[in-house]
PDB file of N, CA and C in Angstrom:
ATOM      1  N   MET A   1       1.347  11.538   8.239  1.00  0.00           N
ATOM      2  CA  MET A   1       3.062  10.936   8.014  1.00  0.00           C
ATOM      3  C   MET A   1       3.957  12.247   7.974  1.00  0.00           C
ATOM      4  N   LYS A   2       2.980  13.382   7.270  1.00  0.00           N
ATOM      5  CA  LYS A   2       3.886  14.414   7.078  1.00  0.00           C
ATOM      6  C   LYS A   2       4.394  14.986   8.619  1.00  0.00           C
ATOM      7  N   SER A   3       3.205  15.000   9.040  1.00  0.00           N
ATOM      8  CA  SER A   3       3.279  15.443  10.723  1.00  0.00           C
ATOM      9  C   SER A   3       4.628  15.026  11.439  1.00  0.00           C
ATOM     10  N   PHE A   4       4.511  13.619  11.036  1.00  0.00           N
ATOM     11  CA  PHE A   4       5.479  12.602  11.850  1.00  0.00           C
ATOM     12  C   PHE A   4       6.940  12.892  11.386  1.00  0.00           C
ATOM     13  N   GLU A   5       7.038  13.213  10.340  1.00  0.00           N
ATOM     14  CA  GLU A   5       7.997  13.574   9.495  1.00  0.00           C
ATOM     15  C   GLU A   5       8.629  14.887   9.932  1.00  0.00           C
ATOM     16  N   ASP A   6       7.929  15.820  10.170  1.00  0.00           N
ATOM     17  CA  ASP A   6       8.422  17.079  10.484  1.00  0.00           C
ATOM     18  C   ASP A   6       8.883  16.900  11.570  1.00  0.00           C
ATOM     19  N   GLN A   7       7.940  16.230  12.949  1.00  0.00           N
ATOM     20  CA  GLN A   7       8.426  15.891  14.309  1.00  0.00           C
ATOM     21  C   GLN A   7      10.120  15.542  14.197  1.00  0.00           C
ATOM     22  N   ILE A   8      10.103  14.608  13.646  1.00  0.00           N
ATOM     23  CA  ILE A   8      11.557  13.303  13.650  1.00  0.00           C
ATOM     24  C   ILE A   8      12.764  14.460  12.970  1.00  0.00           C
ATOM     25  N   LYS A   9      12.540  15.709  12.071  1.00  0.00           N
ATOM     26  CA  LYS A   9      13.258  16.493  11.617  1.00  0.00           C
ATOM     27  C   LYS A   9      13.633  17.277  12.348  1.00  0.00           C
ATOM     28  N   ASP A  10      12.652  17.847  13.749  1.00  0.00           N
ATOM     29  CA  ASP A  10      12.944  18.620  14.485  1.00  0.00           C
ATOM     30  C   ASP A  10      13.882  17.964  15.872  1.00  0.00           C
ATOM     31  N   TYR A  11      13.248  16.934  15.976  1.00  0.00           N
ATOM     32  CA  TYR A  11      13.997  15.869  16.839  1.00  0.00           C
ATOM     33  C   TYR A  11      15.374  15.689  16.494  1.00  0.00           C
ATOM     34  N   GLY A  12      15.689  15.256  14.918  1.00  0.00           N
ATOM     35  CA  GLY A  12      16.906  15.153  14.488  1.00  0.00           C
ATOM     36  C   GLY A  12      17.848  16.197  14.711  1.00  0.00           C
ATOM     37  N   ASP A  13      17.253  17.596  14.239  1.00  0.00           N
ATOM     38  CA  ASP A  13      17.915  18.657  14.657  1.00  0.00           C
ATOM     39  C   ASP A  13      18.197  18.679  15.832  1.00  0.00           C
ATOM     40  N   ASN A  14      17.294  18.498  16.950  1.00  0.00           N
ATOM     41  CA  ASN A  14      17.982  18.504  18.597  1.00  0.00           C
ATOM     42  C   ASN A  14      18.963  17.852  18.898  1.00  0.00           C
ATOM     43  N   ALA A  15      19.009  16.312  17.993  1.00  0.00           N
ATOM     44  CA  ALA A  15      19.775  15.460  18.675  1.00  0.00           C
ATOM     45  C   ALA A  15      21.030  15.741  17.993  1.00  0.00           C
ATOM     46  N   ARG A  16      21.182  16.379  16.851  1.00  0.00           N
ATOM     47  CA  ARG A  16      22.400  16.768  16.369  1.00  0.00           C
ATOM     48  C   ARG A  16      22.987  18.249  17.303  1.00  0.00           C
ATOM     49  N   GLY A  17      22.133  18.763  17.462  1.00  0.00           N
ATOM     50  CA  GLY A  17      22.563  19.794  18.424  1.00  0.00           C
ATOM     51  C   GLY A  17      22.904  19.498  19.690  1.00  0.00           C
ATOM     52  N   PHE A  18      22.550  18.518  20.073  1.00  0.00           N
ATOM     53  CA  PHE A  18      23.403  17.932  21.562  1.00  0.00           C
ATOM     54  C   PHE A  18      24.559  16.991  21.211  1.00  0.00           C
ATOM     55  N   GLY A  19      24.323  16.679  19.926  1.00  0.00           N
ATOM     56  CA  GLY A  19      25.826  15.828  19.611  1.00  0.00           C
ATOM     57  C   GLY A  19      25.785  14.571  19.595  1.00  0.00           C
ATOM     58  N   ASN A  20      24.112  13.983  19.467  1.00  0.00           N
ATOM     59  CA  ASN A  20      23.725  12.426  19.468  1.00  0.00           C
ATOM     60  C   ASN A  20      22.996  12.236  18.306  1.00  0.00           C
ATOM     61  N   PRO A  21      23.110  12.271  17.080  1.00  0.00           N
ATOM     62  CA  PRO A  21      22.502  12.212  15.845  1.00  0.00           C
ATOM     63  C   PRO A  21      22.137  10.671  15.866  1.00  0.00           C
ATOM     64  N   GLU A  22      22.954  10.066  16.215  1.00  0.00           N
ATOM     65  CA  GLU A  22      22.368   8.782  15.996  1.00  0.00           C
ATOM     66  C   GLU A  22      20.981   8.197  16.729  1.00  0.00           C
ATOM     67  N   LEU A  23      20.860   8.779  17.914  1.00  0.00           N
ATOM     68  CA  LEU A  23      20.060   8.368  18.820  1.00  0.00           C
ATOM     69  C   LEU A  23      18.341   8.683  17.883  1.00  0.00           C
ATOM     70  N   ILE A  24      18.553   9.328  16.744  1.00  0.00           N
ATOM     71  CA  ILE A  24      17.056   9.469  16.329  1.00  0.00           C
ATOM     72  C   ILE A  24      16.716   8.825  14.714  1.00  0.00           C
ATOM     73  N   ASN A  25      18.185   7.636  14.481  1.00  0.00           N
ATOM     74  CA  ASN A  25      18.547   7.043  13.397  1.00  0.00           C
ATOM     75  C   ASN A  25      17.325   6.005  13.528  1.00  0.00           C
ATOM     76  N   LYS A  26      16.728   5.335  14.755  1.00  0.00           N
ATOM     77  CA  LYS A  26      15.943   4.416  14.590  1.00  0.00           C
ATOM     78  C   LYS A  26      14.182   4.569  14.460  1.00  0.00           C
ATOM     79  N   ALA A  27      13.981   5.932  14.887  1.00  0.00           N
ATOM     80  CA  ALA A  27      12.646   6.463  14.707  1.00  0.00           C
ATOM     81  C   ALA A  27      12.365   6.892  12.673  1.00  0.00           C
ATOM     82  N   ILE A  28      13.504   7.135  12.408  1.00  0.00           N
ATOM     83  CA  ILE A  28      13.914   7.434  11.148  1.00  0.00           C
ATOM     84  C   ILE A  28      13.516   6.235   9.943  1.00  0.00           C
ATOM     85  N   LYS A  29      14.374   5.118  10.799  1.00  0.00           N
ATOM     86  CA  LYS A  29      13.875   4.068  10.185  1.00  0.00           C
ATOM     87  C   LYS A  29      12.363   3.223  10.486  1.00  0.00           C
ATOM     88  N   ASP A  30      11.743   3.601  11.477  1.00  0.00           N
ATOM     89  CA  ASP A  30      10.376   3.151  11.806  1.00  0.00           C
ATOM     90  C   ASP A  30       9.725   3.979  11.040  1.00  0.00           C
ATOM     91  N   ILE A  31       9.693   5.516  10.550  1.00  0.00           N
ATOM     92  CA  ILE A  31       8.893   6.117   9.886  1.00  0.00           C
ATOM     93  C   ILE A  31       8.909   5.754   8.501  1.00  0.00           C
ATOM     94  N   GLU A  32      10.178   5.319   8.079  1.00  0.00           N
ATOM     95  CA  GLU A  32      10.339   4.804   6.521  1.00  0.00           C
ATOM     96  C   GLU A  32       9.576   3.814   6.500  1.00  0.00           C
ATOM     97  N   THR A  33       9.564   2.505   7.260  1.00  0.00           N
ATOM     98  CA  THR A  33       9.262   1.413   7.121  1.00  0.00           C
ATOM     99  C   THR A  33       7.582   1.500   7.217  1.00  0.00           C
ATOM    100  N   ILE A  34       6.940   2.662   8.115  1.00  0.00           N
ATOM    101  CA  ILE A  34       5.574   2.757   7.853  1.00  0.00           C
ATOM    102  C   ILE A  34       5.063   3.207   6.603  1.00  0.00           C
ATOM    103  N   LYS A  35       5.829   4.195   6.184  1.00  0.00           N
ATOM    104  CA  LYS A  35       5.577   4.554   4.617  1.00  0.00           C
ATOM    105  C   LYS A  35       5.627   3.415   3.838  1.00  0.00           C
ATOM    106  N   VAL A  36       6.465   2.434   3.557  1.00  0.00           N
ATOM    107  CA  VAL A  36       6.243   1.797   2.708  1.00  0.00           C
ATOM    108  C   VAL A  36       5.084   0.832   2.998  1.00  0.00           C
ATOM    109  N   THR A  37       4.929   0.643   4.231  1.00  0.00           N
ATOM    110  CA  THR A  37       3.818  -0.518   4.574  1.00  0.00           C
ATOM    111  C   THR A  37       2.479   0.357   4.276  1.00  0.00           C
ATOM    112  N   VAL A  38       2.370   1.791   4.431  1.00  0.00           N
ATOM    113  CA  VAL A  38       1.192   2.237   4.085  1.00  0.00           C
ATOM    114  C   VAL A  38       0.908   2.175   2.500  1.00  0.00           C
ATOM    115  N   ASN A  39       2.104   2.283   1.784  1.00  0.00           N
ATOM    116  CA  ASN A  39       1.835   2.411   0.458  1.00  0.00           C
ATOM    117  C   ASN A  39       1.487   0.704  -0.297  1.00  0.00           C
ATOM    118  N   ASN A  40       2.054  -0.360   0.539  1.00  0.00           N
ATOM    119  CA  ASN A  40       1.951  -1.684   0.213  1.00  0.00           C
ATOM    120  C   ASN A  40       0.456  -1.762   0.289  1.00  0.00           C
ATOM    121  N   MET A  41      -0.128  -1.225   1.591  1.00  0.00           N
ATOM    122  CA  MET A  41      -1.820  -1.306   2.214  1.00  0.00           C
ATOM    123  C   MET A  41      -2.490  -0.576   0.945  1.00  0.00           C
ATOM    124  N   ASN A  42      -1.736   0.823   0.506  1.00  0.00           N
ATOM    125  CA  ASN A  42      -3.053   1.213  -0.714  1.00  0.00           C
ATOM    126  C   ASN A  42      -3.110   0.118  -1.688  1.00  0.00           C
ATOM    127  N   GLY A  43      -1.840  -0.241  -2.108  1.00  0.00           N
ATOM    128  CA  GLY A  43      -1.647  -0.854  -3.261  1.00  0.00           C
ATOM    129  C   GLY A  43      -2.767  -2.329  -3.449  1.00  0.00           C
ATOM    130  N   LEU A  44      -2.804  -3.032  -1.939  1.00  0.00           N
ATOM    131  CA  LEU A  44      -3.608  -3.897  -1.709  1.00  0.00           C
ATOM    132  C   LEU A  44      -5.070  -3.322  -1.855  1.00  0.00           C
ATOM    133  N   TRP A  45      -5.221  -2.483  -1.189  1.00  0.00           N
ATOM    134  CA  TRP A  45      -6.492  -1.856  -1.209  1.00  0.00           C
ATOM    135  C   TRP A  45      -7.060  -1.746  -2.788  1.00  0.00           C
ATOM    136  N   ASP A  46      -6.261  -0.950  -3.620  1.00  0.00           N
ATOM    137  CA  ASP A  46      -6.564  -0.916  -5.145  1.00  0.00           C
ATOM    138  C   ASP A  46      -6.521  -2.137  -5.783  1.00  0.00           C
ATOM    139  N   HIS A  47      -5.590  -2.989  -5.198  1.00  0.00           N
ATOM    140  CA  HIS A  47      -6.084  -4.415  -5.727  1.00  0.00           C
ATOM    141  C   HIS A  47      -7.447  -4.960  -5.945  1.00  0.00           C
ATOM    142  N   ILE A  48      -7.736  -4.901  -4.354  1.00  0.00           N
ATOM    143  CA  ILE A  48      -9.119  -5.506  -3.966  1.00  0.00           C
ATOM    144  C   ILE A  48     -10.247  -4.976  -4.600  1.00  0.00           C
ATOM    145  N   SER A  49      -9.916  -3.572  -4.673  1.00  0.00           N
ATOM    146  CA  SER A  49     -11.054  -2.895  -5.042  1.00  0.00           C
ATOM    147  C   SER A  49     -11.444  -3.405  -6.682  1.00  0.00           C
ATOM    148  N   LEU A  50     -10.428  -3.651  -7.524  1.00  0.00           N
ATOM    149  CA  LEU A  50     -10.323  -4.027  -9.038  1.00  0.00           C
ATOM    150  C   LEU A  50     -10.887  -5.127  -8.880  1.00  0.00           C
ATOM    151  N   CYS A  51     -10.377  -6.081  -8.349  1.00  0.00           N
ATOM    152  CA  CYS A  51     -10.887  -7.491  -8.084  1.00  0.00           C
ATOM    153  C   CYS A  51     -12.643  -7.662  -8.090  1.00  0.00           C
ATOM    154  N   HIS A  52     -13.137  -6.863  -6.720  1.00  0.00           N
ATOM    155  CA  HIS A  52     -14.171  -6.859  -6.382  1.00  0.00           C
ATOM    156  C   HIS A  52     -14.981  -6.453  -7.599  1.00  0.00           C
ATOM    157  N   ASN A  53     -14.806  -5.189  -8.244  1.00  0.00           N
ATOM    158  CA  ASN A  53     -15.492  -4.631  -9.380  1.00  0.00           C
ATOM    159  C   ASN A  53     -15.659  -5.513 -10.449  1.00  0.00           C
ATOM    160  N   LYS A  54     -14.086  -6.270 -10.615  1.00  0.00           N
ATOM    161  CA  LYS A  54     -14.178  -7.294 -11.960  1.00  0.00           C
ATOM    162  C   LYS A  54     -15.421  -8.581 -11.535  1.00  0.00           C
ATOM    163  N   PHE A  55     -15.410  -8.931 -10.418  1.00  0.00           N
ATOM    164  CA  PHE A  55     -16.547  -9.909  -9.977  1.00  0.00           C
ATOM    165  C   PHE A  55     -17.915  -9.427  -9.790  1.00  0.00           C
ATOM    166  N   GLU A  56     -18.402  -8.213  -9.785  1.00  0.00           N
ATOM    167  CA  GLU A  56     -19.158  -7.648  -9.593  1.00  0.00           C
ATOM    168  C   GLU A  56     -19.961  -7.303 -11.166  1.00  0.00           C
ATOM    169  N   GLU A  57     -18.922  -7.149 -12.137  1.00  0.00           N
ATOM    170  CA  GLU A  57     -19.098  -7.436 -13.540  1.00  0.00           C
ATOM    171  C   GLU A  57     -19.511  -8.488 -13.783  1.00  0.00           C
ATOM    172  N   ASN A  58     -18.863  -9.412 -13.471  1.00  0.00           N
ATOM    173  CA  ASN A  58     -19.075 -11.145 -14.064  1.00  0.00           C
ATOM    174  C   ASN A  58     -20.394 -11.771 -12.942  1.00  0.00           C
ATOM    175  N   MET A  59     -20.784 -11.216 -12.517  1.00  0.00           N
ATOM    176  CA  MET A  59     -22.128 -11.722 -11.837  1.00  0.00           C
ATOM    177  C   MET A  59     -23.369 -10.775 -12.638  1.00  0.00           C
ATOM    178  N   MET A  60     -22.923  -9.515 -13.387  1.00  0.00           N
ATOM    179  CA  MET A  60     -24.127  -9.259 -14.142  1.00  0.00           C
ATOM    180  C   MET A  60     -24.580  -9.946 -15.227  1.00  0.00           C
ATOM    181  N   ASN A  61     -23.435 -10.636 -15.589  1.00  0.00           N
ATOM    182  CA  ASN A  61     -23.162 -11.195 -17.060  1.00  0.00           C
ATOM    183  C   ASN A  61     -24.518 -12.440 -16.923  1.00  0.00           C
ATOM    184  N   LYS A  62     -25.334 -12.401 -18.037  1.00  0.00           N
ATOM    185  CA  LYS A  62     -26.100 -13.322 -18.284  1.00  0.00           C
ATOM    186  C   LYS A  62     -25.235 -14.622 -18.421  1.00  0.00           C
ATOM    187  N   TRP A  63     -26.185 -16.073 -18.320  1.00  0.00           N
ATOM    188  CA  TRP A  63     -25.020 -17.311 -18.204  1.00  0.00           C
ATOM    189  C   TRP A  63     -25.170 -17.216 -19.615  1.00  0.00           C
ATOM    190  N   GLN A  64     -25.809 -17.200 -20.539  1.00  0.00           N
ATOM    191  CA  GLN A  64     -25.679 -17.344 -22.210  1.00  0.00           C
ATOM    192  C   GLN A  64     -24.280 -16.942 -22.680  1.00  0.00           C
ATOM    193  N   GLY A  65     -24.459 -15.581 -21.985  1.00  0.00           N
ATOM    194  CA  GLY A  65     -23.073 -14.776 -22.953  1.00  0.00           C
ATOM    195  C   GLY A  65     -21.494 -14.956 -22.133  1.00  0.00           C
ATOM    196  N   ILE A  66     -21.358 -16.055 -21.375  1.00  0.00           N
ATOM    197  CA  ILE A  66     -20.214 -16.053 -20.440  1.00  0.00           C
ATOM    198  C   ILE A  66     -19.364 -17.041 -21.207  1.00  0.00           C
ATOM    199  N   ASP A  67     -18.123 -16.156 -21.315  1.00  0.00           N
ATOM    200  CA  ASP A  67     -16.839 -17.018 -21.948  1.00  0.00           C
ATOM    201  C   ASP A  67     -16.223 -17.259 -20.815  1.00  0.00           C
ATOM    202  N   SER A  68     -16.386 -18.527 -20.305  1.00  0.00           N
ATOM    203  CA  SER A  68     -15.871 -19.022 -19.098  1.00  0.00           C
ATOM    204  C   SER A  68     -14.227 -18.998 -19.596  1.00  0.00           C
ATOM    205  N   ASP A  69     -13.457 -19.034 -20.546  1.00  0.00           N
ATOM    206  CA  ASP A  69     -11.928 -19.310 -20.540  1.00  0.00           C
ATOM    207  C   ASP A  69     -11.825 -17.811 -20.485  1.00  0.00           C
ATOM    208  N   ALA A  70     -12.360 -16.871 -21.103  1.00  0.00           N
ATOM    209  CA  ALA A  70     -11.706 -15.455 -20.617  1.00  0.00           C
ATOM    210  C   ALA A  70     -11.901 -15.364 -19.328  1.00  0.00           C
ATOM    211  N   MET A  71     -12.792 -15.335 -18.652  1.00  0.00           N
ATOM    212  CA  MET A  71     -13.253 -15.170 -17.171  1.00  0.00           C
ATOM    213  C   MET A  71     -12.302 -15.452 -16.337  1.00  0.00           C
ATOM    214  N   GLU A  72     -12.081 -16.952 -16.591  1.00  0.00           N
ATOM    215  CA  GLU A  72     -10.865 -17.851 -15.743  1.00  0.00           C
ATOM    216  C   GLU A  72      -9.216 -17.088 -16.187  1.00  0.00           C
ATOM    217  N   SER A  73      -8.924 -16.478 -17.527  1.00  0.00           N
ATOM    218  CA  SER A  73      -7.677 -15.919 -17.826  1.00  0.00           C
ATOM    219  C   SER A  73      -7.862 -14.732 -16.970  1.00  0.00           C
ATOM    220  N   GLU A  74      -9.254 -13.793 -16.779  1.00  0.00           N
ATOM    221  CA  GLU A  74      -9.035 -12.688 -16.169  1.00  0.00           C
ATOM    222  C   GLU A  74      -9.091 -13.215 -14.411  1.00  0.00           C
ATOM    223  N   VAL A  75      -9.281 -13.967 -14.035  1.00  0.00           N
ATOM    224  CA  VAL A  75      -8.980 -14.616 -12.398  1.00  0.00           C
ATOM    225  C   VAL A  75      -7.820 -14.683 -12.513  1.00  0.00           C
ATOM    226  N   LYS A  76      -7.106 -15.730 -13.231  1.00  0.00           N
ATOM    227  CA  LYS A  76      -5.753 -15.906 -13.285  1.00  0.00           C
ATOM    228  C   LYS A  76      -4.708 -14.520 -13.347  1.00  0.00           C
ATOM    229  N   ALA A  77      -4.865 -13.703 -14.007  1.00  0.00           N
ATOM    230  CA  ALA A  77      -4.145 -12.567 -14.230  1.00  0.00           C
ATOM    231  C   ALA A  77      -4.334 -11.945 -12.815  1.00  0.00           C
ATOM    232  N   LEU A  78      -5.635 -11.595 -12.254  1.00  0.00           N
ATOM    233  CA  LEU A  78      -5.661 -10.859 -11.150  1.00  0.00           C
ATOM    234  C   LEU A  78      -5.169 -11.589 -10.034  1.00  0.00           C
ATOM    235  N   GLN A  79      -5.148 -13.183  -9.835  1.00  0.00           N
ATOM    236  CA  GLN A  79      -4.367 -13.334  -8.929  1.00  0.00           C
ATOM    237  C   GLN A  79      -2.347 -13.131  -9.219  1.00  0.00           C
ATOM    238  N   LYS A  80      -2.024 -13.048 -10.400  1.00  0.00           N
ATOM    239  CA  LYS A  80      -0.821 -12.470 -10.441  1.00  0.00           C
ATOM    240  C   LYS A  80      -0.291 -11.495  -9.928  1.00  0.00           C
TER     241      LYS A  80
END
């Protein structure tokens, strides 16, 4: 992302130099959209990892030691 941002900055400088700074606006917006998407995907994968780890922990519990109400509450919290 950093290299794309640097490249867009160079293109923006050139576009301003030629008197057409608006030509680079769509590319700038696209880079910002990509950054937001990447951040959202990172958050999603972090949440998936958290859920996976939580379910792995629950799978290791013995049946006699399971608190189903607490487990259900954890799952509901993860869904939110």
